[in-house]
Structure formats: structure tokens, C-alpha cells
Protein backbone atom coordinates (compact mmCIF):
# COMPACT_ATOMS: atom_id res chain seq x y z
CA VAL A 1 -31.42 4.57 -48.78
CA GLN A 2 -31.14 6.99 -45.79
CA LYS A 3 -34.81 6.11 -44.80
CA LEU A 4 -34.01 2.44 -45.02
CA ALA A 5 -30.85 2.83 -42.89
CA THR A 6 -32.70 4.73 -40.34
CA VAL A 7 -35.32 1.99 -40.09
CA ASN A 8 -32.73 -0.61 -39.84
CA GLU A 9 -30.93 1.32 -37.14
CA GLN A 10 -34.13 1.55 -35.15
CA ALA A 11 -34.87 -2.15 -35.52
CA TRP A 12 -31.42 -3.06 -34.27
CA LEU A 13 -31.70 -0.66 -31.35
CA THR A 14 -35.02 -2.19 -30.40
CA LEU A 15 -33.55 -5.73 -30.67
CA GLY A 16 -30.64 -4.47 -28.39
CA ASN A 17 -33.07 -3.08 -25.85
CA LEU A 18 -34.94 -6.39 -25.71
CA ALA A 19 -31.69 -8.36 -25.26
CA GLU A 20 -30.77 -6.11 -22.48
CA MET A 21 -34.07 -6.54 -20.72
CA MET A 22 -33.47 -10.33 -20.97
CA ALA A 23 -29.91 -9.76 -19.56
CA ASP A 24 -28.51 -11.23 -22.74
CA TRP A 25 -25.39 -8.94 -22.87
CA GLU A 26 -23.67 -10.54 -25.89
CA ARG A 27 -26.78 -10.24 -28.17
CA ALA A 28 -27.52 -6.77 -26.96
CA MET A 29 -23.84 -5.81 -27.85
CA ASN A 30 -24.19 -7.44 -31.28
CA SER A 31 -27.42 -5.54 -31.92
CA TYR A 32 -26.11 -2.10 -30.98
CA GLU A 33 -22.95 -2.75 -33.13
CA ALA A 34 -25.20 -3.58 -36.06
CA ALA A 35 -27.17 -0.31 -35.45
CA LEU A 36 -23.91 1.48 -35.73
CA ARG A 37 -23.16 -0.12 -39.11
CA HIS A 38 -26.31 1.48 -40.43
CA ASN A 39 -25.49 4.73 -38.62
CA PRO A 40 -22.01 5.23 -37.21
CA TYR A 41 -23.03 8.46 -35.67
CA SER A 42 -25.91 6.86 -33.69
CA ILE A 43 -25.40 8.54 -30.20
CA THR A 44 -28.12 6.00 -28.83
CA ALA A 45 -26.20 2.90 -29.91
CA LEU A 46 -22.84 4.34 -28.83
CA SER A 47 -24.23 5.15 -25.31
CA HIS A 48 -25.69 1.68 -24.99
CA ILE A 49 -22.34 -0.01 -26.01
CA ALA A 50 -20.34 2.19 -23.77
CA SER A 51 -22.74 1.51 -20.74
CA LEU A 52 -22.53 -2.20 -21.38
CA CYS A 53 -18.79 -2.07 -21.43
CA ARG A 54 -18.68 0.02 -18.29
CA GLY A 55 -21.13 -2.35 -16.57
CA ARG A 56 -18.89 -5.34 -17.45
CA GLU A 57 -15.86 -3.38 -16.26
CA GLN A 58 -14.28 -3.21 -19.83
CA PHE A 59 -13.41 0.36 -18.86
CA ALA A 60 -10.85 0.86 -21.64
CA LYS A 61 -13.36 0.07 -24.32
CA ALA A 62 -16.10 2.11 -22.61
CA VAL A 63 -13.77 5.07 -22.80
CA ASP A 64 -13.42 4.63 -26.54
CA TYR A 65 -17.21 4.76 -27.00
CA PHE A 66 -17.68 7.67 -24.64
CA LYS A 67 -15.08 9.74 -26.58
CA ARG A 68 -16.80 8.97 -29.86
CA ILE A 69 -20.06 10.39 -28.25
CA LEU A 70 -18.20 13.39 -27.08
CA ALA A 71 -16.69 13.94 -30.61
CA LEU A 72 -20.30 14.35 -31.68
CA GLN A 73 -21.64 16.04 -28.67
CA GLU A 74 -18.96 17.94 -26.75
CA ASN A 75 -21.40 19.60 -24.40
CA ASN A 76 -22.87 16.22 -23.11
CA GLY A 77 -22.44 16.49 -19.38
CA GLU A 78 -23.77 12.86 -18.56
CA THR A 79 -21.15 11.32 -20.81
CA TRP A 80 -18.35 13.50 -19.43
CA SER A 81 -19.48 12.13 -15.91
CA ALA A 82 -19.54 8.43 -17.12
CA LEU A 83 -16.00 8.99 -18.71
CA GLY A 84 -14.72 10.47 -15.49
CA HIS A 85 -15.95 7.30 -13.73
CA CYS A 86 -14.21 5.03 -16.28
CA TYR A 87 -10.89 6.79 -15.91
CA LEU A 88 -11.38 6.59 -12.13
CA MET A 89 -11.78 2.83 -12.17
CA MET A 90 -8.72 2.67 -14.51
CA ASP A 91 -6.77 4.71 -11.84
CA ASN A 92 -6.10 7.43 -14.39
CA LEU A 93 -6.85 10.13 -11.81
CA GLN A 94 -5.70 13.18 -13.91
CA GLU A 95 -7.86 12.20 -16.91
CA ALA A 96 -10.80 11.54 -14.25
CA TYR A 97 -10.32 14.98 -12.81
CA GLN A 98 -10.53 16.74 -16.16
CA ALA A 99 -13.67 14.58 -17.24
CA TYR A 100 -15.39 15.58 -13.97
CA GLN A 101 -14.54 19.24 -14.46
CA GLN A 102 -16.10 19.07 -18.00
CA ALA A 103 -19.21 17.21 -16.44
CA LEU A 104 -19.70 20.06 -13.92
CA TYR A 105 -19.31 22.69 -16.61
CA HIS A 106 -21.78 21.09 -18.99
CA LEU A 107 -24.57 19.53 -16.77
CA GLN A 108 -27.61 21.52 -16.74
CA SER A 109 -27.91 20.58 -12.91
CA PRO A 110 -24.60 19.62 -11.37
CA LYS A 111 -26.58 18.32 -8.42
CA ASP A 112 -26.19 14.80 -9.75
CA PRO A 113 -25.39 12.36 -6.70
CA LYS A 114 -23.48 9.88 -8.96
CA LEU A 115 -21.22 12.67 -10.29
CA TRP A 116 -20.41 13.80 -6.77
CA TYR A 117 -19.97 10.19 -5.63
CA GLY A 118 -17.24 9.80 -8.28
CA ILE A 119 -15.62 13.15 -7.25
CA GLY A 120 -15.53 12.06 -3.65
CA ILE A 121 -13.74 8.74 -4.70
CA LEU A 122 -11.24 10.88 -6.80
CA TYR A 123 -10.43 13.33 -3.91
CA ASP A 124 -10.29 10.20 -1.56
CA ARG A 125 -7.69 8.54 -3.93
CA TYR A 126 -5.74 11.84 -4.12
CA GLY A 127 -5.49 11.93 -0.32
CA SER A 128 -7.48 15.13 -0.29
CA ILE A 129 -9.98 13.89 2.57
CA GLU A 130 -11.55 17.40 3.26
CA HIS A 131 -12.75 17.67 -0.23
CA ALA A 132 -13.64 13.92 -0.25
CA GLU A 133 -15.82 14.41 2.83
CA GLU A 134 -17.60 17.48 1.32
CA ALA A 135 -18.30 15.48 -1.78
CA PHE A 136 -19.74 12.35 0.06
CA SER A 137 -21.63 14.49 2.40
CA ALA A 138 -23.18 16.28 -0.54
CA VAL A 139 -24.31 12.97 -2.14
CA MET A 140 -26.16 12.05 1.03
CA LYS A 141 -27.91 15.48 1.08
CA MET A 142 -28.78 15.14 -2.58
CA ASP A 143 -30.27 11.56 -2.32
CA PRO A 144 -30.39 10.00 1.26
CA GLN A 145 -31.34 6.61 -0.51
CA PHE A 146 -28.46 6.77 -2.95
CA GLU A 147 -27.65 3.25 -4.17
CA LYS A 148 -24.18 3.31 -2.76
CA SER A 149 -25.04 5.00 0.53
CA ASN A 150 -23.56 2.22 2.69
CA GLU A 151 -20.27 2.50 0.92
CA ILE A 152 -20.27 6.18 1.27
CA TYR A 153 -20.93 5.93 5.16
CA PHE A 154 -17.89 3.47 5.21
CA ARG A 155 -15.67 5.89 3.43
CA LEU A 156 -16.81 8.83 5.67
CA GLY A 157 -16.16 6.61 8.81
CA ILE A 158 -12.62 6.18 7.64
CA ILE A 159 -12.21 9.98 6.67
CA TYR A 160 -13.66 10.98 10.08
CA LYS A 161 -11.19 8.68 11.70
CA GLN A 162 -8.38 10.29 9.87
CA GLN A 163 -9.71 13.63 10.81
CA GLN A 164 -9.83 12.54 14.45
CA LYS A 165 -13.66 13.04 14.39
CA TYR A 166 -14.02 9.90 16.34
CA ASP A 167 -17.69 10.19 17.32
CA LEU A 168 -18.70 10.99 13.72
CA SER A 169 -16.64 7.99 12.58
CA LEU A 170 -18.41 5.61 15.14
CA GLN A 171 -21.80 6.94 13.99
CA CYS A 172 -21.12 5.94 10.55
CA PHE A 173 -19.74 2.45 11.37
CA ARG A 174 -22.64 1.82 13.68
CA TYR A 175 -25.17 2.76 10.85
CA ILE A 176 -23.90 0.03 8.42
CA LEU A 177 -22.74 -2.61 11.06
CA HIS A 178 -25.50 -4.95 9.96
CA ASN A 179 -25.41 -4.05 6.24
CA PRO A 180 -21.88 -3.29 5.26
CA PRO A 181 -21.05 -2.47 1.54
CA ARG A 182 -19.75 -5.58 -0.33
CA PRO A 183 -17.34 -7.29 -0.16
CA LEU A 184 -16.97 -6.10 3.40
CA THR A 185 -18.63 -7.94 6.16
CA GLU A 186 -19.79 -7.16 9.61
CA ILE A 187 -16.32 -8.34 11.16
CA ASP A 188 -14.61 -5.60 8.94
CA ILE A 189 -16.81 -2.87 10.59
CA TRP A 190 -16.13 -4.30 14.14
CA PHE A 191 -12.42 -3.97 13.15
CA GLN A 192 -12.77 -0.41 12.18
CA THR A 193 -14.99 0.35 15.25
CA GLY A 194 -12.34 -1.09 17.50
CA HIS A 195 -9.52 0.94 15.86
CA VAL A 196 -11.63 4.18 16.40
CA TYR A 197 -12.05 3.25 20.16
CA GLU A 198 -8.41 2.52 20.35
CA GLN A 199 -7.56 6.00 18.93
CA GLN A 200 -9.97 7.51 21.66
CA LYS A 201 -8.02 5.52 24.23
CA GLU A 202 -11.33 3.55 25.16
CA TYR A 203 -9.24 0.53 25.43
CA GLU A 204 -11.80 -1.78 27.03
CA LEU A 205 -14.36 -1.02 24.18
CA ALA A 206 -11.58 -1.46 21.76
CA LYS A 207 -10.59 -4.84 23.14
CA GLU A 208 -14.33 -6.03 23.13
CA ALA A 209 -14.65 -5.07 19.38
CA TYR A 210 -11.50 -6.76 18.44
CA GLU A 211 -12.57 -10.03 20.36
CA ARG A 212 -15.92 -9.88 18.51
CA VAL A 213 -13.90 -10.28 15.17
CA LEU A 214 -11.66 -13.07 16.71
CA SER A 215 -15.02 -14.96 17.71
CA GLU A 216 -15.88 -15.09 13.97
CA ASN A 217 -12.29 -15.28 12.56
CA PRO A 218 -9.80 -16.64 15.08
CA ASP A 219 -6.83 -16.21 12.62
CA HIS A 220 -7.52 -12.58 11.42
CA ALA A 221 -3.95 -11.46 11.61
CA LYS A 222 -4.49 -7.78 11.76
CA VAL A 223 -6.84 -8.06 14.75
CA LEU A 224 -4.54 -10.34 16.58
CA GLN A 225 -1.74 -7.66 15.97
CA GLN A 226 -3.94 -4.88 17.27
CA LEU A 227 -4.97 -6.97 20.41
CA GLY A 228 -1.15 -7.71 21.03
CA TRP A 229 -0.51 -3.97 20.81
CA LEU A 230 -3.31 -3.24 23.27
CA PHE A 231 -2.14 -5.68 25.80
CA HIS A 232 1.41 -4.17 25.42
CA GLN A 233 0.18 -0.70 26.41
CA GLN A 234 1.09 0.27 29.99
CA ASN A 235 -1.76 2.45 30.60
CA THR A 236 -4.67 -0.19 30.18
CA SER A 237 -6.24 -1.97 33.09
CA PHE A 238 -5.41 -5.27 31.36
CA SER A 239 -1.71 -4.60 30.37
CA ASN A 240 0.06 -7.97 30.13
CA GLN A 241 3.18 -8.56 28.17
CA PRO A 242 3.07 -12.40 28.00
CA THR A 243 -0.51 -12.17 26.65
CA ALA A 244 0.75 -9.43 24.12
CA ILE A 245 3.51 -11.75 23.10
CA GLN A 246 1.01 -14.58 22.57
CA TYR A 247 -1.31 -12.46 20.41
CA LEU A 248 1.45 -11.19 18.21
CA THR A 249 2.90 -14.63 17.84
CA ARG A 250 -0.48 -15.86 16.62
CA SER A 251 -0.65 -12.86 14.21
CA LEU A 252 2.72 -13.91 12.73
CA LYS A 253 1.60 -17.42 12.47
CA ALA A 254 -1.41 -16.23 10.27
CA ASP A 255 0.87 -13.79 8.26
CA SER A 256 4.62 -14.02 8.79
CA THR A 257 5.16 -11.19 6.09
CA ASP A 258 3.72 -8.32 8.27
CA ALA A 259 6.76 -6.07 9.34
CA GLN A 260 4.54 -4.28 11.99
CA SER A 261 3.77 -7.57 13.89
CA TRP A 262 7.55 -8.36 14.23
CA TYR A 263 8.27 -4.85 15.22
CA LEU A 264 5.65 -4.75 17.96
CA LEU A 265 6.85 -8.29 19.14
CA GLY A 266 10.14 -6.63 19.62
CA ARG A 267 8.58 -3.85 21.56
CA CYS A 268 7.07 -6.24 24.02
CA TYR A 269 10.41 -8.17 24.49
CA MET A 270 11.95 -4.79 25.31
CA VAL A 271 9.53 -4.21 28.17
CA GLU A 272 10.66 -7.72 29.43
CA GLN A 273 14.21 -6.56 29.00
CA ASN A 274 14.80 -9.70 26.79
CA TYR A 275 17.31 -7.86 24.50
CA ASN A 276 18.27 -10.77 22.43
CA LYS A 277 14.70 -11.67 21.40
CA ALA A 278 13.87 -8.07 20.89
CA TYR A 279 16.88 -7.70 18.55
CA GLU A 280 15.86 -10.84 16.56
CA ALA A 281 12.28 -9.50 16.18
CA TYR A 282 13.48 -6.15 15.07
CA GLN A 283 15.83 -7.78 12.52
CA GLN A 284 12.85 -9.45 11.04
CA ALA A 285 10.89 -6.20 10.83
CA VAL A 286 13.66 -4.41 9.10
CA TYR A 287 14.36 -7.26 6.66
CA ARG A 288 10.70 -6.67 5.55
CA ASP A 289 10.45 -2.97 5.64
CA ALA A 290 13.63 -1.23 5.87
CA ARG A 291 12.30 2.18 5.27
CA ASN A 292 10.03 2.50 8.39
CA PRO A 293 11.59 5.15 10.61
CA THR A 294 9.99 3.84 13.89
CA PHE A 295 11.67 0.69 13.65
CA TRP A 296 15.26 2.30 13.36
CA CYS A 297 14.12 4.55 16.38
CA SER A 298 13.46 1.44 18.45
CA ILE A 299 16.62 -0.29 17.29
CA GLY A 300 18.56 2.69 18.39
CA VAL A 301 16.73 2.48 21.96
CA LEU A 302 17.89 -1.15 22.03
CA TYR A 303 21.46 -0.34 21.31
CA TYR A 304 21.37 2.36 23.92
CA GLN A 305 20.21 0.03 26.57
CA ILE A 306 22.92 -2.40 25.88
CA ASN A 307 25.55 0.41 25.77
CA GLN A 308 26.37 0.18 22.13
CA TYR A 309 26.16 3.87 21.74
CA ARG A 310 27.78 4.22 18.25
CA ASP A 311 25.26 1.72 16.89
CA ALA A 312 22.57 3.68 18.55
CA LEU A 313 23.72 6.93 16.92
CA ASP A 314 23.85 5.09 13.44
CA ALA A 315 20.12 3.86 14.13
CA TYR A 316 18.75 7.23 15.22
CA SER A 317 20.55 9.00 12.17
CA ARG A 318 18.84 6.63 9.95
CA ALA A 319 15.49 7.20 11.42
CA ILE A 320 16.07 10.93 10.90
CA ARG A 321 16.92 10.55 7.38
CA LEU A 322 13.83 8.68 6.66
CA ASN A 323 11.55 11.03 8.62
CA PRO A 324 12.89 14.15 10.48
CA TYR A 325 9.63 14.80 12.02
CA ILE A 326 9.46 12.33 14.78
CA SER A 327 9.91 14.07 18.19
CA GLU A 328 10.94 10.85 19.98
CA VAL A 329 13.85 10.27 17.70
CA TRP A 330 15.23 13.76 18.43
CA TYR A 331 14.59 13.23 22.19
CA ASP A 332 16.38 9.92 22.13
CA LEU A 333 19.35 11.59 20.25
CA GLY A 334 19.53 14.05 22.99
CA THR A 335 19.70 11.40 25.77
CA LEU A 336 22.54 9.83 23.57
CA TYR A 337 24.57 12.92 23.34
CA GLU A 338 24.15 13.36 27.14
CA SER A 339 25.54 9.71 27.79
CA CYS A 340 28.42 10.01 25.29
CA ASN A 341 31.18 12.42 26.38
CA ASN A 342 28.60 14.71 28.00
CA GLN A 343 27.89 16.68 24.71
CA ILE A 344 25.57 19.02 26.42
CA GLN A 345 25.16 21.49 23.56
CA ASP A 346 24.32 18.83 21.01
CA ALA A 347 21.94 17.29 23.51
CA LEU A 348 20.19 20.75 23.94
CA ASP A 349 19.93 21.18 20.10
CA ALA A 350 18.28 17.74 19.74
CA TYR A 351 15.92 18.40 22.73
CA GLN A 352 15.00 21.73 21.23
CA ARG A 353 14.13 20.02 17.98
CA ALA A 354 12.01 17.48 19.85
CA SER A 355 10.30 20.16 21.66
CA GLU A 356 9.30 22.10 18.43
CA LEU A 357 7.87 18.80 16.97
CA ASP A 358 5.81 17.90 20.33
CA PRO A 359 5.42 21.38 22.37
CA SER A 360 3.05 19.74 24.80
CA ASN A 361 5.36 16.87 25.79
CA PRO A 362 6.19 17.60 29.53
CA HIS A 363 9.35 15.13 29.45
CA ILE A 364 11.05 17.25 26.70
CA ARG A 365 10.39 20.56 28.47
CA GLN A 366 11.51 19.43 31.78
CA ARG A 367 14.73 17.96 30.23
CA LEU A 368 15.30 21.19 28.33
CA GLU A 369 14.74 23.42 31.50
CA LEU A 370 16.91 21.03 33.58
CA LEU A 371 19.98 21.23 31.16
CA ARG A 372 19.76 24.86 30.68
CA LYS A 373 19.77 25.59 34.50
CA SER A 374 22.85 23.21 35.05
CA ASN A 375 26.24 24.68 34.60
CA PRO A 376 29.55 22.85 34.18
CA SER A 377 30.69 23.21 37.80
CA SER A 378 27.76 21.74 39.21
CA ALA A 379 27.03 18.07 39.74
CA PRO A 380 26.23 16.07 36.52
CA VAL A 381 22.55 15.64 35.82
CA SER A 382 21.14 12.07 35.86
CA THR A 383 20.78 10.82 32.28
CA PRO A 384 17.21 10.26 31.03
CA VAL A 385 15.87 7.15 29.64
CA PRO A 386 15.12 7.24 25.92
CA GLN A 387 11.60 7.06 24.77
CA ASP A 388 10.14 4.60 22.34
CA VAL A 389 7.70 5.96 19.50
CA ASN A 390 4.30 6.39 21.33
CA ASN A 391 2.17 5.74 18.13
CA PRO A 392 4.06 3.55 15.85
CA TYR A 393 1.11 3.24 13.47
CA GLN A 394 1.36 6.93 12.74
CA TYR A 395 4.54 6.67 10.81
CA GLN A 396 3.99 3.42 8.70
């Protein structure tokens, strides 16, 4: 009977293999399940079914079969690695981490590019970008022709951008420009390239990259937003508020739900001193995202400009409650204390906090020195203008 069961199991496994070669997944699955009926402990059948489920993105089902294999073979490193991948795809990061740990422990040679690719994604999801970078770099050293190499270069490009290693980031994006990982397209890579140039303050190159995207997709809301912000910048050769407003209005036409576009539109109206329109735009931004500290800082600046000091104080306080580490908010609070009742000590405390958060800022340093040198009997010091947040994207 045992011999017959073994023969039957082998026959069904062979049929399953044939069906897989013909890409007949349904018949392959049925064949492997038939093999399991003859031998419930067939690791070959369990492995094939688990792989089929994984390939068809039925990750929960794949997990069950991989676990059945591990109940029979606890030291199977490849299975632990595959299990980790399934958990990762299910966004179960803790279980994925534990499975990958077991894989590293049990694999005879842990230099497996697929394993390190999974570990890289896991660290990336956790926000541990240094470890993610190490894992992805290790994959490319182990196997420069790795099947997902272009995806890895894209992920490394993003990581290097976050680490402010801009030249490395650009190298990665240039390498995959004409062959980006699916579902990304060439215009997605141009967008990322433009964003890196913008961080480098290479505004002309950033503008060119964004315009490449618009030539392919004129209604790309995010690119229209970035171009609006670029034309708003005072330190570019092409700074132009009406053009900035035009781009941001087009961005909002493409996607009216983006709070950041409403906010940036408000910043443009502030430069034009059109406080009513700025207020309306900020209201729209806050309505869509009430927990963004940058929005409240700018609302405080607006209230300050129209002499509504109590409302300005409320807005700055709200920004600080949401994020107490933005130097511009503390600086603006200092300017407010100076304007209201000449509260010099409170102003000094606020400027001191701003200086601790941004030690290289000359405006803050000068203000602190000026106030410390002044004495009550001398003429009052001219009140400074509040500063808006320099890089609002930093605090999204």
C-alpha cells in the first residue's frame, strides 16, 4: 500500500510539473493537492502549492503551506525566506522580520540576493533607511544582474535622496531612466530627478526635468505643484508669482484634494500681499489637513501682518503643539512677543529656542545679539519681520 501511495504521489507530482510548464496553474494546483492526498507530508507537493499561491499573490494561503513545510523541516532556510516574503507582502512586518531572522540562521549560505532584497524592503518599510541601503547594496554586489535590479536602483535613489547623498541619487535615477521598474514610467523618474535637483538648489535643472514630465502629462498634479513652488522661490533666476499661481491653480484643477497645493497658493498670495486670497487658500489647506504645523505657522504670519496678534499667537501655539522642533515658528513667536507689549524676556526665550534648532541661521543670531545688547533706557529696537517656513515639504 505504501509503495502504491508513493507511486501515485510521484505520478501526480509529474502531472503537476507538466501543467506548470504549460502555465496551466489550476491543473497544476489540483495535481499537487492530489499528491498530498496520497502523502500529506510531501514536502515537494507542499513547496509547489506554496510557490503557486505566492506567485498568484494568494499570500495568506501560501503562508499556511510554508508553515506546514516548516512543521516537518524546521531548519529549511529557503522556506523561512519565502515565508518572510509572504508576510512582507501582507504588511505583517513583525512576522516578516522573525522569518528572515530564521532564514539567516538556517541558510547554509546567507548570501542569497532574494533574501537580502526582502530584508531591504522590510527595513525600508520600517523607515530604517541606513539598514535598507546596506541590504540593497549587498544584493547588487552578490548579483549585479539580479532580476529586480532596476527596482533596487529606484529604491536606492529614493534612500540616497533622503540621506542627502544627491549625486548618488541622481546616478541611480539616470541608470534606470529608460528602463524603469514597473509600474513606474520614464516620467516618474524625471519627476524624482527634478526633485533631487530642487534639493540641490539646481533650480534651472529641476525646472527642465519637471517640464519634461509636463510635456508627456500636462495634468500631472504633483509636477504642477512643484513648478508652482519653484516659480514662487525668491532665489531663482525665473522667480515669478503670477506664473507660480498659474501652475498651482492648474495643479488644484487636476487634484483639488491636495492640501499642500492650497497651502503653497496661499504662500504666493502672501508675497503679493493679497491677504484675503491667502487666508482663503490657507483655510482650504487646513480643512484638508488640520495637523500640518507648517500651515499653522503661515496662518500665524498672516495674522501678524494684518495686526491680529492674538490670533497669530493661537496659530503659532497650535504649530508648536503639533511639532515643537520648527525653528521658524519659535522665531516668529519671538517677533510677536516683541510687537505685543514689548515682552523682551519672552522674545529672548523664543529666539533662544529657535537658535538651538537652527544654529547656523544668521537672522536668529543677529536678533538675539541685538536684544541682549539693548537696555530698557535705550531707544526701542525695530521689530523684525516674521519668517515663513523655508522648506514646507520637510514637515508634511
